[in-house]
Amino acid sequence: MGIRPLAPSHLAELAVFNVGLENNTPLWYYVLKEAEVLADGLTLAGVGAQLVGEVIIGLLQLDNTSYLSQGWRPTLPRRARETFDMVDLLTFAGVDPVTRGQ
């Protein structure tokens, strides 16, 4: 996945079971621990975030009726003719730095 794994020291509480869980952690526990370590437990991070994102995108790609499969493109105003970027969406919503006077 290209994501730097947590160090075994982040999973030290699993060492008390003496079965190597700190080096071979169950995915559900690893994802929750990663969220705790990297995002103060507020959101998924790293492996967990990528897994959820890839599943959602994969489902949209497999659904023949989804906007993604239909080749839908936003019709909102954009800076460049061929692309629609996050900056374009933020500008349209009025929350980009220029619109906010920053």
Protein backbone atom coordinates (compact mmCIF):
# COMPACT_ATOMS: atom_id res chain seq x y z
CA MET A 1 0.00 0.00 0.00
CA GLY A 2 3.00 2.27 0.32
CA ILE A 3 2.05 3.28 3.86
CA ARG A 4 4.64 3.20 6.62
CA PRO A 5 3.47 0.66 9.21
CA LEU A 6 3.16 1.36 12.88
CA ALA A 7 6.17 0.38 14.93
CA PRO A 8 5.81 -2.67 17.20
CA SER A 9 6.23 -0.24 20.11
CA HIS A 10 2.83 1.27 19.21
CA LEU A 11 1.34 -2.18 19.71
CA ALA A 12 3.29 -3.04 22.88
CA GLU A 13 0.09 -3.70 24.87
CA LEU A 14 -0.36 -6.85 22.77
CA ALA A 15 2.98 -8.31 23.92
CA VAL A 16 1.43 -9.42 27.23
CA PHE A 17 -0.38 -12.22 25.36
CA ASN A 18 3.03 -13.63 24.34
CA VAL A 19 1.84 -14.83 20.91
CA GLY A 20 3.47 -12.18 18.70
CA LEU A 21 0.42 -10.02 18.11
CA GLU A 22 2.57 -6.89 18.25
CA ASN A 23 4.29 -8.10 15.05
CA ASN A 24 1.31 -9.87 13.43
CA THR A 25 -1.68 -7.77 14.43
CA PRO A 26 -5.27 -8.56 13.38
CA LEU A 27 -6.41 -6.03 10.76
CA TRP A 28 -9.36 -4.70 12.76
CA TYR A 29 -7.14 -3.98 15.77
CA TYR A 30 -4.37 -2.49 13.61
CA VAL A 31 -6.80 -0.11 11.86
CA LEU A 32 -8.22 1.10 15.18
CA LYS A 33 -4.75 1.51 16.71
CA GLU A 34 -3.52 3.36 13.63
CA ALA A 35 -6.45 5.77 13.93
CA GLU A 36 -5.57 6.31 17.60
CA VAL A 37 -1.86 6.89 16.94
CA LEU A 38 -2.08 8.92 13.73
CA ALA A 39 -5.38 10.79 14.14
CA ASP A 40 -6.05 10.87 17.90
CA GLY A 41 -8.82 8.32 17.29
CA LEU A 42 -10.96 10.89 15.50
CA THR A 43 -10.76 9.45 11.98
CA LEU A 44 -9.35 6.52 10.13
CA ALA A 45 -5.79 6.98 8.94
CA GLY A 46 -3.26 5.17 6.79
CA VAL A 47 -4.29 1.60 6.01
CA GLY A 48 -7.84 1.98 7.36
CA ALA A 49 -8.54 5.15 5.39
CA GLN A 50 -7.12 3.69 2.19
CA LEU A 51 -9.10 0.46 2.54
CA VAL A 52 -12.38 2.29 3.02
CA GLY A 53 -11.66 4.73 0.18
CA GLU A 54 -10.67 1.98 -2.25
CA VAL A 55 -13.77 -0.08 -1.41
CA ILE A 56 -16.07 2.89 -2.04
CA ILE A 57 -14.37 3.76 -5.34
CA GLY A 58 -14.40 0.10 -6.36
CA LEU A 59 -18.13 -0.17 -5.68
CA LEU A 60 -18.80 2.97 -7.70
CA GLN A 61 -16.72 1.61 -10.60
CA LEU A 62 -18.64 -1.68 -10.57
CA ASP A 63 -22.06 -0.01 -10.44
CA ASN A 64 -23.07 0.64 -14.05
CA THR A 65 -25.56 3.28 -12.90
CA SER A 66 -23.14 5.31 -10.75
CA TYR A 67 -21.99 8.77 -11.79
CA LEU A 68 -18.42 7.49 -11.90
CA SER A 69 -19.27 4.70 -14.37
CA GLN A 70 -21.33 7.00 -16.55
CA GLY A 71 -18.36 9.32 -17.13
CA TRP A 72 -20.10 12.22 -15.39
CA ARG A 73 -18.13 15.44 -15.16
CA PRO A 74 -19.10 18.49 -13.10
CA THR A 75 -20.61 21.36 -15.07
CA LEU A 76 -19.69 24.01 -12.52
CA PRO A 77 -17.33 26.82 -13.55
CA ARG A 78 -13.69 25.78 -13.61
CA ARG A 79 -10.29 27.35 -14.11
CA ALA A 80 -9.19 25.02 -16.91
CA ARG A 81 -11.52 23.68 -19.61
CA GLU A 82 -10.50 20.04 -19.36
CA THR A 83 -10.28 19.63 -15.58
CA PHE A 84 -12.36 20.19 -12.48
CA ASP A 85 -10.24 20.33 -9.33
CA MET A 86 -10.97 20.66 -5.64
CA VAL A 87 -10.01 24.35 -5.93
CA ASP A 88 -12.85 24.80 -8.43
CA LEU A 89 -15.34 23.26 -5.99
CA LEU A 90 -14.05 25.40 -3.11
CA THR A 91 -14.28 28.52 -5.29
CA PHE A 92 -17.86 27.68 -6.27
CA ALA A 93 -18.73 27.14 -2.58
CA GLY A 94 -17.11 30.48 -1.69
CA VAL A 95 -14.66 29.01 0.78
CA ASP A 96 -11.41 29.32 -1.19
CA PRO A 97 -8.75 31.76 0.11
CA VAL A 98 -9.36 34.36 -2.64
CA THR A 99 -13.12 34.52 -2.06
CA ARG A 100 -12.54 34.70 1.69
CA GLY A 101 -10.09 37.59 1.22
CA GLN A 102 -7.02 35.71 2.40
